[in-house]
């Protein structure tokens, strides 16, 4: 459990991969299900897509910025602190 007010100061972005055929990758679907089952899905503030057919998609841009090589990944942003990117669903869950 977080101290009061910490979630208000934290923003969490989840980046999911959209395959060339338009489907969401299986690992991203599994991550979403896991986070829902654990009761923390509502703490994800924004979902962006790493679109395999669009090198300018928001998820591709974030992946390049944070050196992420796979999806899903998460970017945690806190007021007054550097953002942190995490490519492990379990680690992201623990941070939530």
N, C-alpha and C. Protein backbone atom coordinates (compact mmCIF):
# COMPACT_ATOMS: atom_id res chain seq x y z
N UNK A 1 0.84 -1.19 0.00
CA UNK A 1 0.00 0.00 0.00
C UNK A 1 0.88 1.25 0.00
N UNK A 2 0.47 2.23 -0.76
CA UNK A 2 1.23 3.47 -0.87
C UNK A 2 0.79 4.45 0.21
N UNK A 3 1.72 5.32 0.64
CA UNK A 3 1.33 6.40 1.56
C UNK A 3 0.31 7.30 0.89
N UNK A 4 -0.54 7.98 1.67
CA UNK A 4 -1.55 8.87 1.08
C UNK A 4 -0.91 9.88 0.14
N UNK A 5 -1.55 10.05 -1.01
CA UNK A 5 -1.09 11.07 -1.95
C UNK A 5 -0.04 10.62 -2.94
N UNK A 6 0.60 9.46 -2.72
CA UNK A 6 1.69 9.07 -3.62
C UNK A 6 1.16 8.72 -5.01
N UNK A 7 -0.02 8.10 -5.10
CA UNK A 7 -0.55 7.75 -6.41
C UNK A 7 -0.94 8.99 -7.19
N UNK A 8 -1.39 10.01 -6.51
CA UNK A 8 -1.75 11.26 -7.18
C UNK A 8 -0.52 11.89 -7.82
N UNK A 9 0.66 11.65 -7.25
CA UNK A 9 1.88 12.24 -7.76
C UNK A 9 2.58 11.32 -8.76
N UNK A 10 1.98 10.16 -9.05
CA UNK A 10 2.59 9.19 -9.95
C UNK A 10 1.68 8.97 -11.16
N UNK A 11 2.29 8.92 -12.33
CA UNK A 11 1.56 8.58 -13.55
C UNK A 11 2.20 7.32 -14.12
N UNK A 12 1.36 6.38 -14.51
CA UNK A 12 1.86 5.13 -15.08
C UNK A 12 1.33 4.98 -16.50
N UNK A 13 2.25 4.80 -17.43
CA UNK A 13 1.91 4.57 -18.82
C UNK A 13 2.26 3.13 -19.16
N UNK A 14 1.31 2.42 -19.72
CA UNK A 14 1.57 1.07 -20.21
C UNK A 14 1.67 1.14 -21.73
N UNK A 15 2.71 0.55 -22.27
CA UNK A 15 2.87 0.50 -23.72
C UNK A 15 2.63 -0.94 -24.17
N UNK A 16 1.63 -1.09 -25.04
CA UNK A 16 1.28 -2.40 -25.59
C UNK A 16 1.68 -2.44 -27.06
N UNK A 17 1.94 -3.65 -27.53
CA UNK A 17 2.33 -3.82 -28.93
C UNK A 17 1.14 -4.24 -29.77
N UNK A 18 0.95 -3.53 -30.88
CA UNK A 18 -0.06 -3.91 -31.87
C UNK A 18 0.68 -4.52 -33.05
N UNK A 19 0.32 -5.75 -33.38
CA UNK A 19 0.97 -6.47 -34.47
C UNK A 19 0.56 -5.90 -35.83
N UNK A 20 1.29 -6.27 -36.87
CA UNK A 20 1.01 -5.74 -38.22
C UNK A 20 -0.39 -6.08 -38.69
N UNK A 21 -0.96 -7.18 -38.19
CA UNK A 21 -2.33 -7.54 -38.60
C UNK A 21 -3.39 -6.83 -37.77
N UNK A 22 -2.96 -5.95 -36.84
CA UNK A 22 -3.89 -5.16 -36.05
C UNK A 22 -4.23 -5.75 -34.69
N UNK A 23 -3.84 -6.99 -34.44
CA UNK A 23 -4.13 -7.62 -33.16
C UNK A 23 -3.13 -7.16 -32.09
N UNK A 24 -3.59 -7.19 -30.85
CA UNK A 24 -2.71 -6.94 -29.70
C UNK A 24 -1.87 -8.18 -29.47
N UNK A 25 -0.60 -8.00 -29.11
CA UNK A 25 0.25 -9.16 -28.88
C UNK A 25 -0.27 -9.96 -27.67
N UNK A 26 -0.03 -11.26 -27.71
CA UNK A 26 -0.53 -12.14 -26.67
C UNK A 26 0.03 -11.78 -25.30
N UNK A 27 1.31 -11.45 -25.23
CA UNK A 27 1.92 -11.11 -23.94
C UNK A 27 1.26 -9.86 -23.34
N UNK A 28 0.88 -8.91 -24.20
CA UNK A 28 0.21 -7.69 -23.73
C UNK A 28 -1.18 -8.02 -23.19
N UNK A 29 -1.89 -8.92 -23.88
CA UNK A 29 -3.20 -9.35 -23.40
C UNK A 29 -3.07 -10.02 -22.03
N UNK A 30 -2.07 -10.88 -21.89
CA UNK A 30 -1.85 -11.58 -20.63
C UNK A 30 -1.49 -10.60 -19.51
N UNK A 31 -0.70 -9.58 -19.82
CA UNK A 31 -0.33 -8.58 -18.83
C UNK A 31 -1.55 -7.81 -18.35
N UNK A 32 -2.41 -7.44 -19.29
CA UNK A 32 -3.64 -6.72 -18.93
C UNK A 32 -4.51 -7.58 -18.02
N UNK A 33 -4.68 -8.83 -18.36
CA UNK A 33 -5.47 -9.75 -17.53
C UNK A 33 -4.87 -9.88 -16.13
N UNK A 34 -3.56 -10.03 -16.06
CA UNK A 34 -2.87 -10.14 -14.77
C UNK A 34 -3.13 -8.91 -13.90
N UNK A 35 -2.96 -7.72 -14.49
CA UNK A 35 -3.14 -6.49 -13.72
C UNK A 35 -4.59 -6.30 -13.28
N UNK A 36 -5.53 -6.68 -14.14
CA UNK A 36 -6.95 -6.63 -13.76
C UNK A 36 -7.22 -7.59 -12.60
N UNK A 37 -6.74 -8.82 -12.73
CA UNK A 37 -6.96 -9.84 -11.70
C UNK A 37 -6.35 -9.43 -10.35
N UNK A 38 -5.25 -8.69 -10.39
CA UNK A 38 -4.59 -8.23 -9.17
C UNK A 38 -5.22 -6.96 -8.60
N UNK A 39 -6.17 -6.38 -9.33
CA UNK A 39 -6.89 -5.21 -8.85
C UNK A 39 -6.16 -3.89 -8.99
N UNK A 40 -5.16 -3.83 -9.87
CA UNK A 40 -4.39 -2.59 -10.03
C UNK A 40 -4.54 -1.95 -11.40
N UNK A 41 -5.40 -2.52 -12.25
CA UNK A 41 -5.55 -1.98 -13.61
C UNK A 41 -5.90 -0.50 -13.59
N UNK A 42 -6.73 -0.07 -12.66
CA UNK A 42 -7.16 1.33 -12.62
C UNK A 42 -6.02 2.29 -12.28
N UNK A 43 -4.89 1.77 -11.84
CA UNK A 43 -3.74 2.63 -11.55
C UNK A 43 -2.92 2.93 -12.80
N UNK A 44 -3.24 2.25 -13.91
CA UNK A 44 -2.59 2.56 -15.19
C UNK A 44 -3.28 3.81 -15.72
N UNK A 45 -2.53 4.89 -15.83
CA UNK A 45 -3.12 6.16 -16.22
C UNK A 45 -3.33 6.32 -17.71
N UNK A 46 -2.52 5.61 -18.51
CA UNK A 46 -2.61 5.78 -19.96
C UNK A 46 -2.05 4.52 -20.63
N UNK A 47 -2.66 4.14 -21.73
CA UNK A 47 -2.16 3.04 -22.54
C UNK A 47 -1.78 3.61 -23.90
N UNK A 48 -0.55 3.37 -24.31
CA UNK A 48 -0.07 3.79 -25.63
C UNK A 48 0.28 2.55 -26.43
N UNK A 49 0.25 2.68 -27.74
CA UNK A 49 0.51 1.54 -28.61
C UNK A 49 1.85 1.65 -29.31
N UNK A 50 2.59 0.56 -29.26
CA UNK A 50 3.77 0.33 -30.08
C UNK A 50 3.24 -0.38 -31.31
N UNK A 51 3.05 0.37 -32.38
CA UNK A 51 2.44 -0.17 -33.59
C UNK A 51 3.54 -0.66 -34.52
N UNK A 52 3.57 -1.97 -34.75
CA UNK A 52 4.62 -2.57 -35.56
C UNK A 52 4.65 -2.03 -36.99
N UNK A 53 3.56 -1.47 -37.46
CA UNK A 53 3.52 -0.94 -38.82
C UNK A 53 3.72 0.57 -38.88
N UNK A 54 3.96 1.21 -37.72
CA UNK A 54 4.10 2.67 -37.70
C UNK A 54 5.29 3.08 -36.83
N UNK A 55 6.43 3.36 -37.42
CA UNK A 55 7.62 3.71 -36.65
C UNK A 55 7.51 5.04 -35.90
N UNK A 56 6.43 5.79 -36.15
CA UNK A 56 6.21 7.06 -35.45
C UNK A 56 5.11 6.94 -34.40
N UNK A 57 4.64 5.73 -34.12
CA UNK A 57 3.58 5.57 -33.11
C UNK A 57 4.12 5.94 -31.74
N UNK A 58 3.26 6.41 -30.84
CA UNK A 58 3.70 6.86 -29.52
C UNK A 58 4.50 5.81 -28.75
N UNK A 59 4.11 4.55 -28.86
CA UNK A 59 4.83 3.49 -28.16
C UNK A 59 6.23 3.27 -28.69
N UNK A 60 6.40 3.39 -30.01
CA UNK A 60 7.73 3.27 -30.61
C UNK A 60 8.62 4.41 -30.13
N UNK A 61 8.07 5.59 -30.08
CA UNK A 61 8.83 6.76 -29.62
C UNK A 61 9.28 6.57 -28.17
N UNK A 62 8.36 6.11 -27.30
CA UNK A 62 8.76 5.86 -25.91
C UNK A 62 9.76 4.73 -25.79
N UNK A 63 9.60 3.68 -26.58
CA UNK A 63 10.56 2.57 -26.54
C UNK A 63 11.96 3.07 -26.89
N UNK A 64 12.06 3.89 -27.91
CA UNK A 64 13.36 4.45 -28.29
C UNK A 64 13.90 5.36 -27.19
N UNK A 65 13.06 6.17 -26.61
CA UNK A 65 13.49 7.11 -25.57
C UNK A 65 14.07 6.38 -24.35
N UNK A 66 13.42 5.26 -23.95
CA UNK A 66 13.83 4.55 -22.75
C UNK A 66 14.63 3.28 -23.02
N UNK A 67 14.94 3.00 -24.27
CA UNK A 67 15.75 1.83 -24.60
C UNK A 67 15.03 0.50 -24.36
N UNK A 68 13.73 0.50 -24.50
CA UNK A 68 12.94 -0.72 -24.31
C UNK A 68 12.94 -1.52 -25.62
N UNK A 69 13.16 -2.82 -25.51
CA UNK A 69 13.23 -3.67 -26.70
C UNK A 69 12.06 -4.62 -26.83
N UNK A 70 11.15 -4.61 -25.86
CA UNK A 70 9.99 -5.49 -25.94
C UNK A 70 8.79 -4.84 -25.27
N UNK A 71 7.64 -5.32 -25.65
CA UNK A 71 6.40 -4.84 -25.04
C UNK A 71 5.68 -6.05 -24.45
N UNK A 72 4.92 -5.86 -23.43
CA UNK A 72 4.57 -4.56 -22.86
C UNK A 72 5.70 -4.01 -22.00
N UNK A 73 5.66 -2.70 -21.84
CA UNK A 73 6.53 -2.07 -20.84
C UNK A 73 5.76 -0.92 -20.22
N UNK A 74 6.30 -0.43 -19.14
CA UNK A 74 5.63 0.58 -18.33
C UNK A 74 6.59 1.73 -18.08
N UNK A 75 6.05 2.94 -18.07
CA UNK A 75 6.83 4.12 -17.72
C UNK A 75 6.17 4.73 -16.49
N UNK A 76 6.94 4.84 -15.42
CA UNK A 76 6.47 5.45 -14.18
C UNK A 76 7.03 6.86 -14.13
N UNK A 77 6.14 7.82 -13.96
CA UNK A 77 6.54 9.24 -13.86
C UNK A 77 6.09 9.77 -12.51
N UNK A 78 7.02 10.40 -11.80
CA UNK A 78 6.73 11.01 -10.51
C UNK A 78 7.09 12.49 -10.58
N UNK A 79 6.35 13.29 -9.87
CA UNK A 79 6.67 14.72 -9.79
C UNK A 79 8.03 14.89 -9.12
N UNK A 80 8.91 15.62 -9.77
CA UNK A 80 10.20 15.94 -9.18
C UNK A 80 11.23 14.83 -9.22
N UNK A 81 10.94 13.73 -9.93
CA UNK A 81 11.89 12.62 -10.04
C UNK A 81 11.98 12.18 -11.49
N UNK A 82 13.11 11.59 -11.86
CA UNK A 82 13.21 11.08 -13.23
C UNK A 82 12.24 9.93 -13.47
N UNK A 83 11.73 9.83 -14.68
CA UNK A 83 10.84 8.72 -15.03
C UNK A 83 11.65 7.43 -15.06
N UNK A 84 10.95 6.32 -14.86
CA UNK A 84 11.59 5.01 -14.87
C UNK A 84 10.78 4.07 -15.77
N UNK A 85 11.46 3.40 -16.69
CA UNK A 85 10.81 2.43 -17.56
C UNK A 85 11.10 1.02 -17.05
N UNK A 86 10.07 0.18 -17.10
CA UNK A 86 10.15 -1.19 -16.58
C UNK A 86 9.55 -2.12 -17.63
N UNK A 87 10.27 -3.19 -17.98
CA UNK A 87 9.73 -4.12 -18.98
C UNK A 87 9.25 -5.43 -18.37
N UNK A 88 9.11 -5.49 -17.07
CA UNK A 88 8.60 -6.67 -16.38
C UNK A 88 7.23 -6.35 -15.78
N UNK A 89 6.24 -7.16 -16.15
CA UNK A 89 4.90 -6.95 -15.62
C UNK A 89 4.89 -7.16 -14.11
N UNK A 90 5.60 -8.17 -13.63
CA UNK A 90 5.64 -8.44 -12.20
C UNK A 90 6.29 -7.28 -11.44
N UNK A 91 7.37 -6.76 -11.98
CA UNK A 91 8.02 -5.61 -11.32
C UNK A 91 7.11 -4.37 -11.33
N UNK A 92 6.44 -4.15 -12.46
CA UNK A 92 5.51 -3.02 -12.53
C UNK A 92 4.39 -3.20 -11.49
N UNK A 93 3.88 -4.40 -11.39
CA UNK A 93 2.83 -4.70 -10.39
C UNK A 93 3.31 -4.35 -8.98
N UNK A 94 4.54 -4.75 -8.68
CA UNK A 94 5.09 -4.46 -7.34
C UNK A 94 5.25 -2.96 -7.12
N UNK A 95 5.53 -2.22 -8.18
CA UNK A 95 5.70 -0.77 -8.06
C UNK A 95 4.34 -0.06 -7.91
N UNK A 96 3.28 -0.72 -8.36
CA UNK A 96 1.95 -0.15 -8.23
C UNK A 96 1.47 -0.35 -6.81
